[in-house]
N, C-alpha and C. Protein backbone atom coordinates (compact mmCIF):
# COMPACT_ATOMS: atom_id res chain seq x y z
N MET A 1 1.15 -1.75 -0.28
CA MET A 1 0.29 0.13 -0.06
C MET A 1 1.00 1.01 0.09
N SER A 2 0.46 2.01 -0.22
CA SER A 2 1.72 3.50 -0.75
C SER A 2 0.73 4.52 0.54
N ASN A 3 1.74 5.34 0.61
CA ASN A 3 1.42 6.35 1.74
C ASN A 3 0.69 7.43 1.34
N LEU A 4 1.29 7.51 0.16
CA LEU A 4 0.56 8.76 -0.64
C LEU A 4 -0.94 9.13 -0.13
N PRO A 5 -1.50 10.49 0.12
CA PRO A 5 -3.07 10.53 0.50
C PRO A 5 -3.68 9.75 -0.59
N HIS A 6 -5.53 9.56 -0.37
CA HIS A 6 -6.68 9.28 -0.76
C HIS A 6 -6.59 10.97 -0.82
N THR A 7 -7.74 10.89 -1.45
CA THR A 7 -7.84 12.41 -1.56
C THR A 7 -10.04 11.77 -1.75
N ASP A 8 -10.58 12.64 -1.37
CA ASP A 8 -12.15 12.32 -0.78
C ASP A 8 -12.84 13.78 -0.90
N ALA A 9 -13.89 13.91 -1.36
CA ALA A 9 -14.84 14.82 -2.13
C ALA A 9 -16.67 14.76 -0.75
N ALA A 10 -16.78 15.58 -0.29
CA ALA A 10 -17.90 15.74 0.25
C ALA A 10 -18.29 17.48 -0.02
N PHE A 11 -20.24 17.05 0.09
CA PHE A 11 -19.90 18.55 -0.36
C PHE A 11 -21.81 18.50 1.14
N GLY A 12 -22.33 19.63 1.42
CA GLY A 12 -23.07 19.98 2.73
C GLY A 12 -23.15 21.60 2.51
N ILE A 13 -24.71 21.38 3.74
CA ILE A 13 -25.49 22.82 2.78
C ILE A 13 -25.31 23.56 4.96
N VAL A 14 -25.23 24.88 4.44
CA VAL A 14 -25.32 25.26 6.23
C VAL A 14 -26.00 25.62 6.35
N PRO A 15 -27.41 25.16 6.86
CA PRO A 15 -29.40 25.58 7.76
C PRO A 15 -29.47 27.13 7.91
N ILE A 16 -29.27 27.84 7.55
CA ILE A 16 -29.63 29.33 8.40
C ILE A 16 -31.00 30.04 8.28
N LEU A 17 -31.12 30.64 9.35
CA LEU A 17 -32.78 30.40 10.71
C LEU A 17 -32.81 32.01 10.57
N PRO A 18 -33.09 33.29 9.21
CA PRO A 18 -33.71 34.01 9.62
C PRO A 18 -34.70 34.26 11.21
N GLN A 19 -33.99 34.98 12.14
CA GLN A 19 -34.95 35.40 12.94
C GLN A 19 -35.07 36.93 13.16
N PRO A 20 -35.38 37.36 13.76
CA PRO A 20 -35.67 38.85 14.21
C PRO A 20 -34.88 39.00 14.75
N ASP A 21 -33.63 38.93 15.43
CA ASP A 21 -32.38 39.53 16.59
C ASP A 21 -31.38 38.46 16.39
N GLY A 22 -31.37 38.11 14.51
CA GLY A 22 -30.03 37.73 14.11
C GLY A 22 -30.58 36.12 13.10
N TYR A 23 -29.44 35.32 13.62
CA TYR A 23 -29.76 34.51 12.52
C TYR A 23 -29.03 32.54 13.77
N GLN A 24 -30.44 31.67 12.90
CA GLN A 24 -29.98 30.31 14.26
C GLN A 24 -29.65 29.81 12.74
N PHE A 25 -28.48 28.39 13.51
CA PHE A 25 -28.07 27.03 12.37
C PHE A 25 -28.39 26.30 12.71
N LEU A 26 -28.21 25.30 11.95
CA LEU A 26 -28.64 23.70 11.96
C LEU A 26 -27.69 22.98 12.09
N LEU A 27 -27.56 22.18 13.44
CA LEU A 27 -26.18 21.27 13.57
C LEU A 27 -26.45 20.36 13.49
N ILE A 28 -25.36 18.85 13.53
CA ILE A 28 -26.39 18.12 13.51
C ILE A 28 -25.64 16.79 14.04
N GLN A 29 -25.84 15.94 15.39
CA GLN A 29 -24.62 14.86 15.93
C GLN A 29 -25.12 13.68 14.93
N HIS A 30 -23.49 13.38 14.27
CA HIS A 30 -23.18 12.42 13.53
C HIS A 30 -22.93 10.81 14.60
N TRP A 31 -23.66 9.89 14.91
CA TRP A 31 -23.28 8.94 15.21
C TRP A 31 -22.09 8.54 16.13
N GLY A 32 -20.84 9.47 15.15
CA GLY A 32 -19.64 9.76 15.84
C GLY A 32 -19.58 9.91 17.18
N GLY A 33 -20.39 11.28 17.28
CA GLY A 33 -20.72 11.97 18.43
C GLY A 33 -19.93 13.82 18.06
N HIS A 34 -19.06 13.24 16.64
CA HIS A 34 -19.64 14.94 16.67
C HIS A 34 -20.76 16.14 16.07
N TRP A 35 -20.44 17.09 15.98
CA TRP A 35 -21.28 17.66 15.59
C TRP A 35 -20.86 18.85 14.66
N GLY A 36 -21.84 19.40 13.72
CA GLY A 36 -20.98 20.08 12.40
C GLY A 36 -22.49 20.07 11.61
N PHE A 37 -22.22 20.08 9.90
CA PHE A 37 -23.63 20.62 9.00
C PHE A 37 -23.62 18.96 8.37
N PRO A 38 -25.04 19.30 7.94
CA PRO A 38 -25.45 17.91 7.22
C PRO A 38 -24.45 17.89 5.73
N LYS A 39 -24.04 17.60 5.44
CA LYS A 39 -22.88 16.65 4.63
C LYS A 39 -23.28 15.37 3.70
N GLY A 40 -22.59 15.26 2.84
CA GLY A 40 -22.00 13.91 1.90
C GLY A 40 -21.41 14.09 0.73
N HIS A 41 -21.24 12.90 0.08
CA HIS A 41 -20.84 12.32 -0.78
C HIS A 41 -21.38 12.54 -2.22
N ALA A 42 -20.91 12.57 -2.84
CA ALA A 42 -22.45 12.94 -4.54
C ALA A 42 -22.72 11.80 -5.53
N GLU A 43 -23.30 11.01 -6.06
CA GLU A 43 -23.61 10.23 -6.37
C GLU A 43 -23.67 10.24 -8.40
N ALA A 44 -23.20 9.29 -8.66
CA ALA A 44 -22.39 9.36 -10.27
C ALA A 44 -23.15 10.46 -10.74
N GLU A 45 -22.59 11.16 -11.57
CA GLU A 45 -22.13 12.92 -12.32
C GLU A 45 -23.66 13.35 -11.74
N GLU A 46 -23.93 13.45 -10.12
CA GLU A 46 -24.25 14.38 -9.78
C GLU A 46 -23.20 15.54 -9.40
N THR A 47 -24.16 17.35 -9.76
CA THR A 47 -22.71 18.44 -9.50
C THR A 47 -23.08 18.08 -7.99
N ALA A 48 -22.24 19.28 -7.72
CA ALA A 48 -22.06 19.23 -6.14
C ALA A 48 -23.19 19.87 -5.53
N ILE A 49 -23.68 20.98 -5.85
CA ILE A 49 -25.22 21.43 -5.34
C ILE A 49 -26.02 20.16 -5.38
N ALA A 50 -26.62 19.81 -6.38
CA ALA A 50 -26.86 18.51 -6.62
C ALA A 50 -26.98 17.30 -5.23
N ALA A 51 -25.75 17.34 -4.78
CA ALA A 51 -25.48 16.72 -3.97
C ALA A 51 -25.56 17.13 -2.59
N ALA A 52 -25.28 18.28 -2.13
CA ALA A 52 -25.51 19.14 -0.98
C ALA A 52 -26.77 18.58 -1.08
N ARG A 53 -27.57 19.37 -1.56
CA ARG A 53 -28.79 19.42 -1.42
C ARG A 53 -29.88 17.88 -1.14
N ARG A 54 -29.13 16.99 -1.79
CA ARG A 54 -29.94 15.01 -1.60
C ARG A 54 -29.13 15.07 -0.08
N GLU A 55 -28.28 15.01 -0.06
CA GLU A 55 -27.37 14.40 1.50
C GLU A 55 -28.45 15.64 2.25
N PHE A 56 -28.77 17.42 2.26
CA PHE A 56 -29.74 18.15 3.10
C PHE A 56 -30.67 16.84 3.75
N GLU A 57 -31.47 16.64 2.56
CA GLU A 57 -33.05 16.29 2.39
C GLU A 57 -32.91 15.08 2.93
N GLU A 58 -32.38 14.23 2.87
CA GLU A 58 -31.58 12.86 3.60
C GLU A 58 -31.43 12.51 4.90
N GLU A 59 -30.78 13.80 5.22
CA GLU A 59 -30.08 13.75 6.59
C GLU A 59 -30.90 14.94 7.37
N THR A 60 -31.89 15.33 6.88
CA THR A 60 -32.78 17.08 7.37
C THR A 60 -33.97 16.36 7.79
N GLY A 61 -35.06 15.62 6.60
CA GLY A 61 -36.45 16.07 5.60
C GLY A 61 -36.69 17.55 5.48
N ILE A 62 -36.04 18.03 5.45
CA ILE A 62 -36.65 19.52 5.60
C ILE A 62 -36.25 20.14 3.54
N SER A 63 -36.94 20.19 3.25
CA SER A 63 -37.83 20.61 1.66
C SER A 63 -37.59 22.01 1.60
N ALA A 64 -37.81 22.40 2.18
CA ALA A 64 -38.57 24.06 1.96
C ALA A 64 -37.43 24.46 2.53
N TYR A 65 -37.07 25.16 1.78
CA TYR A 65 -35.07 25.48 1.76
C TYR A 65 -34.54 26.16 0.41
N GLU A 66 -33.65 27.18 0.70
CA GLU A 66 -33.16 28.22 -0.93
C GLU A 66 -31.65 28.04 -1.06
N VAL A 67 -31.25 27.56 -1.61
CA VAL A 67 -29.72 27.14 -1.25
C VAL A 67 -29.36 28.89 -1.90
N ILE A 68 -28.14 29.25 -1.44
CA ILE A 68 -27.13 30.34 -2.47
C ILE A 68 -26.28 29.86 -2.55
N GLU A 69 -26.66 29.95 -4.61
CA GLU A 69 -25.97 28.98 -4.79
C GLU A 69 -24.62 30.17 -5.74
N SER A 70 -24.79 31.77 -5.67
CA SER A 70 -23.67 32.34 -6.12
C SER A 70 -22.14 32.26 -4.78
N VAL A 71 -22.86 31.20 -3.93
CA VAL A 71 -21.24 31.79 -3.15
C VAL A 71 -21.05 29.81 -2.39
N SER A 72 -19.40 29.92 -2.08
CA SER A 72 -20.12 28.95 -0.86
C SER A 72 -18.16 28.91 -0.02
N PHE A 73 -18.66 27.59 0.49
CA PHE A 73 -17.19 27.74 1.59
C PHE A 73 -16.65 26.15 1.97
N VAL A 74 -15.16 25.97 1.86
CA VAL A 74 -14.27 25.16 1.45
C VAL A 74 -13.92 24.50 2.94
N GLU A 75 -14.28 22.96 3.86
CA GLU A 75 -13.29 23.33 4.68
C GLU A 75 -11.87 22.05 4.25
N GLN A 76 -11.45 22.12 4.39
CA GLN A 76 -10.00 20.52 4.12
C GLN A 76 -9.66 20.07 5.18
N TYR A 77 -9.84 18.54 5.59
CA TYR A 77 -8.65 18.46 6.23
C TYR A 77 -8.11 17.19 6.38
N ARG A 78 -7.25 16.13 6.90
CA ARG A 78 -6.60 15.42 6.77
C ARG A 78 -6.67 13.62 7.74
N PHE A 79 -7.37 13.02 7.10
CA PHE A 79 -7.96 12.00 8.93
C PHE A 79 -7.62 10.83 8.37
N PHE A 80 -7.46 9.68 8.38
CA PHE A 80 -6.58 8.49 8.11
C PHE A 80 -7.33 6.92 8.29
N LYS A 81 -8.02 6.14 7.91
CA LYS A 81 -8.56 5.25 7.43
C LYS A 81 -7.66 4.03 6.91
N ASP A 82 -8.09 3.41 7.59
CA ASP A 82 -6.88 1.94 7.70
C ASP A 82 -5.33 2.00 7.96
N LYS A 83 -5.24 3.43 8.58
CA LYS A 83 -3.63 4.15 8.62
C LYS A 83 -3.40 4.13 7.00
N GLN A 84 -4.33 4.74 6.54
CA GLN A 84 -4.20 5.33 4.90
C GLN A 84 -4.28 7.12 5.22
N PRO A 85 -3.79 8.33 4.97
CA PRO A 85 -4.29 9.12 4.44
C PRO A 85 -4.60 9.53 3.79
N VAL A 86 -5.73 10.31 4.18
CA VAL A 86 -6.99 10.86 3.41
C VAL A 86 -7.83 12.13 3.56
N ASP A 87 -6.36 12.74 2.39
CA ASP A 87 -7.08 14.78 2.20
C ASP A 87 -8.33 14.65 1.86
N LYS A 88 -9.64 15.09 2.61
CA LYS A 88 -11.09 15.40 2.43
C LYS A 88 -10.98 17.24 2.15
N THR A 89 -12.64 17.54 1.64
CA THR A 89 -12.41 18.74 1.05
C THR A 89 -13.94 18.73 0.85
N VAL A 90 -14.45 19.64 2.03
CA VAL A 90 -15.57 19.37 2.20
C VAL A 90 -16.44 21.06 1.40
N THR A 91 -17.24 20.85 0.34
CA THR A 91 -17.78 22.48 0.11
C THR A 91 -18.92 22.02 0.54
N TYR A 92 -19.77 23.48 1.12
CA TYR A 92 -20.49 24.12 1.46
C TYR A 92 -21.44 25.31 0.92
N PHE A 93 -22.59 25.04 0.43
CA PHE A 93 -22.96 26.44 0.86
C PHE A 93 -24.55 26.25 1.14
N PRO A 94 -24.72 28.30 1.69
CA PRO A 94 -25.41 28.41 2.60
C PRO A 94 -27.11 28.68 1.81
N ALA A 95 -27.47 28.11 3.04
CA ALA A 95 -29.46 28.22 2.22
C ALA A 95 -30.35 28.95 3.80
N TRP A 96 -30.91 29.53 3.04
CA TRP A 96 -32.22 30.03 4.20
C TRP A 96 -33.41 28.92 4.25
N VAL A 97 -33.44 28.42 5.21
CA VAL A 97 -34.03 27.12 5.53
C VAL A 97 -35.75 28.24 5.85
N LYS A 98 -36.55 27.64 5.41
CA LYS A 98 -37.78 28.13 5.91
C LYS A 98 -38.39 27.04 6.45
N SER A 99 -38.02 26.06 7.16
CA SER A 99 -38.74 24.98 8.81
C SER A 99 -38.24 24.63 9.09
N THR A 100 -38.13 24.54 10.89
CA THR A 100 -37.50 24.22 11.98
C THR A 100 -37.47 22.22 12.31
N THR A 101 -38.65 22.05 11.28
CA THR A 101 -39.10 20.59 11.59
C THR A 101 -38.19 19.95 11.28
N VAL A 102 -37.13 19.30 11.68
CA VAL A 102 -36.44 18.26 11.48
C VAL A 102 -36.70 16.54 11.17
N ILE A 103 -36.48 16.27 10.25
CA ILE A 103 -36.65 14.41 10.69
C ILE A 103 -35.62 13.74 10.14
N ARG A 104 -34.92 13.74 11.13
CA ARG A 104 -33.52 13.12 11.10
C ARG A 104 -33.57 12.01 10.63
N GLN A 105 -32.38 11.30 9.30
CA GLN A 105 -32.13 9.85 9.24
C GLN A 105 -31.28 9.11 10.46
N GLN A 106 -31.96 8.60 10.68
CA GLN A 106 -31.88 7.83 12.08
C GLN A 106 -30.29 6.92 11.51
N GLU A 107 -30.49 6.42 10.72
CA GLU A 107 -28.90 5.95 10.48
C GLU A 107 -27.58 6.70 10.47
N GLU A 108 -27.74 7.87 10.23
CA GLU A 108 -26.31 8.57 10.63
C GLU A 108 -26.50 9.85 11.30
N ILE A 109 -27.41 10.65 11.87
CA ILE A 109 -28.00 11.49 12.83
C ILE A 109 -28.37 10.67 14.06
N GLN A 110 -27.82 10.83 14.88
CA GLN A 110 -27.49 11.04 16.39
C GLN A 110 -29.26 11.76 16.89
N ASN A 111 -28.41 13.26 16.27
CA ASN A 111 -29.07 14.08 17.22
C ASN A 111 -29.48 15.73 16.03
N TYR A 112 -29.95 16.57 16.58
CA TYR A 112 -29.99 18.14 16.44
C TYR A 112 -30.32 19.44 17.60
N CYS A 113 -29.17 20.46 16.67
CA CYS A 113 -30.02 21.50 17.37
C CYS A 113 -30.14 22.43 16.21
N TRP A 114 -30.92 23.65 16.95
CA TRP A 114 -31.18 25.20 16.25
C TRP A 114 -30.84 26.07 17.22
N LEU A 115 -29.31 26.78 16.66
CA LEU A 115 -28.57 27.13 17.68
C LEU A 115 -27.55 29.29 16.94
N PRO A 116 -28.29 29.63 17.83
CA PRO A 116 -27.82 31.35 17.45
C PRO A 116 -25.79 30.98 17.25
N TYR A 117 -25.39 31.97 16.75
CA TYR A 117 -24.46 31.61 15.99
C TYR A 117 -23.38 31.64 17.08
N GLU A 118 -23.16 32.31 18.53
CA GLU A 118 -22.02 32.41 19.52
C GLU A 118 -21.89 30.80 19.66
N ASP A 119 -23.42 30.12 20.72
CA ASP A 119 -23.71 28.98 20.72
C ASP A 119 -23.44 27.96 19.44
N ALA A 120 -23.88 27.74 18.10
CA ALA A 120 -23.39 27.34 17.35
C ALA A 120 -21.82 27.10 17.37
N LEU A 121 -21.55 28.01 17.55
CA LEU A 121 -20.04 27.65 17.47
C LEU A 121 -18.71 27.39 18.53
N LYS A 122 -19.21 27.25 19.42
CA LYS A 122 -19.58 26.67 21.38
C LYS A 122 -19.86 25.38 21.09
N GLN A 123 -20.23 24.84 20.10
CA GLN A 123 -21.02 23.39 20.18
C GLN A 123 -19.93 22.43 18.52
N MET A 124 -20.00 22.60 18.04
CA MET A 124 -19.37 22.59 17.37
C MET A 124 -18.10 21.98 17.39
N SER A 125 -17.56 20.39 16.49
CA SER A 125 -16.70 19.93 17.49
C SER A 125 -15.44 20.08 16.99
N PHE A 126 -15.51 20.65 15.20
CA PHE A 126 -14.30 20.71 14.69
C PHE A 126 -13.31 22.12 14.50
N LYS A 127 -11.79 22.41 14.93
CA LYS A 127 -11.59 23.74 14.12
C LYS A 127 -12.20 23.97 12.99
N GLN A 128 -11.93 23.33 11.53
CA GLN A 128 -12.61 24.00 10.37
C GLN A 128 -13.82 23.56 9.89
N GLY A 129 -14.72 22.85 11.21
CA GLY A 129 -16.56 23.47 10.97
C GLY A 129 -15.94 24.99 11.60
N LYS A 130 -15.94 24.96 13.13
CA LYS A 130 -16.20 26.67 13.24
C LYS A 130 -15.09 27.41 12.57
N GLN A 131 -14.48 27.26 11.17
CA GLN A 131 -14.21 28.55 10.63
C GLN A 131 -15.42 28.73 9.59
N ILE A 132 -15.47 26.98 9.02
CA ILE A 132 -16.69 27.47 8.18
C ILE A 132 -18.28 28.55 8.78
N LEU A 133 -18.42 28.24 10.26
CA LEU A 133 -19.27 28.76 10.71
C LEU A 133 -19.12 30.37 10.74
N GLN A 134 -17.84 30.71 10.73
CA GLN A 134 -17.72 32.19 11.20
C GLN A 134 -17.17 32.43 9.79
N GLN A 135 -16.86 31.90 8.17
CA GLN A 135 -16.97 32.32 7.63
C GLN A 135 -18.37 32.62 6.81
N VAL A 136 -19.48 31.66 7.25
CA VAL A 136 -20.84 32.17 7.48
C VAL A 136 -21.36 33.49 7.63
N GLN A 137 -21.34 33.42 8.93
CA GLN A 137 -21.69 34.40 9.62
C GLN A 137 -20.54 35.60 8.75
N GLN A 138 -19.48 35.89 8.12
CA GLN A 138 -18.94 37.02 8.39
C GLN A 138 -20.01 37.26 7.25
N TYR A 139 -20.53 36.64 5.82
CA TYR A 139 -20.40 37.10 4.60
C TYR A 139 -22.26 36.90 5.46
N LEU A 140 -22.93 36.73 6.23
CA LEU A 140 -24.07 36.61 6.67
C LEU A 140 -24.31 38.91 7.03
N SER A 141 -23.12 38.88 7.61
CA SER A 141 -23.12 40.57 8.05
C SER A 141 -22.85 41.32 7.08
N GLN A 142 -22.17 40.60 5.96
CA GLN A 142 -22.32 41.83 4.41
C GLN A 142 -23.58 41.59 4.00
N ILE A 143 -24.57 40.72 3.89
CA ILE A 143 -25.23 41.37 3.26
C ILE A 143 -26.08 42.04 3.92
N ASP A 144 -26.42 42.21 5.31
CA ASP A 144 -26.91 42.56 6.47
C ASP A 144 -26.80 44.09 6.18
N LEU A 145 -25.34 44.26 6.39
CA LEU A 145 -25.30 46.02 5.93
C LEU A 145 -24.96 46.46 5.03
N SER A 146 -25.38 45.68 4.01
CA SER A 146 -25.57 45.83 2.36
C SER A 146 -27.49 46.52 1.78
N ARG A 147 -27.91 45.85 2.57
CA ARG A 147 -29.33 45.29 2.75
C ARG A 147 -29.96 46.92 3.83
N ARG A 148 -28.81 47.11 5.35
CA ARG A 148 -29.20 48.75 5.12
C ARG A 148 -28.45 49.68 4.60
N ASN A 149 -27.72 49.82 4.30
CA ASN A 149 -26.70 50.87 3.65
C ASN A 149 -27.97 51.00 1.96
N SER A 150 -28.29 49.77 1.66
CA SER A 150 -29.64 50.41 0.12
C SER A 150 -30.66 50.43 0.90
N ALA A 151 -31.74 50.13 2.51
CA ALA A 151 -32.56 50.95 2.38
C ALA A 151 -32.29 52.19 2.75
N LYS A 152 -31.14 52.24 3.43
CA LYS A 152 -30.70 54.10 3.80
C LYS A 152 -30.86 55.43 2.61
N THR A 153 -29.80 54.32 1.41
CA THR A 153 -30.25 55.51 0.18
C THR A 153 -31.28 55.23 -0.69
N GLY A 154 -31.85 54.84 -0.48
CA GLY A 154 -33.86 53.98 -1.34
C GLY A 154 -34.15 55.35 -0.84
N GLY A 155 -34.54 55.73 0.20
CA GLY A 155 -35.70 56.47 0.17
C GLY A 155 -34.56 58.19 -0.46
N ILE A 156 -33.83 58.50 -1.16
CA ILE A 156 -33.35 59.21 -1.25
C ILE A 156 -33.72 59.78 -2.54
């Protein structure tokens, strides 16, 4: 066997629920115990967004959402499987979620929770996931800022 790393790609959704006082994020707990965002592998011929959508719907049962296709966030990390290094890349797409009702995929998902940003950041298990959440929060702040600015100038 070679010690060269294998590569693995997955695709996911960062579920965002707009609230009057900010945003809440849906985190899922895998049976391995760690908390993160819904994600999974693409099937044959499936695009990145199609894979992210399918995995999100399978894992959470949520179908009322809108993916923000103009932006994505990427995490990369290495793990070992059967003593072989694997370089994993996960591409996440943020999505506006219109329902908080989760029907979890019991084979893969142990638990879930909707949390505001600070709590979600504390709940996330891995540094790379926390960085994705921070980048998404930064992106949302820019959207909010541009909306406020256009609302101010819209009345002039």
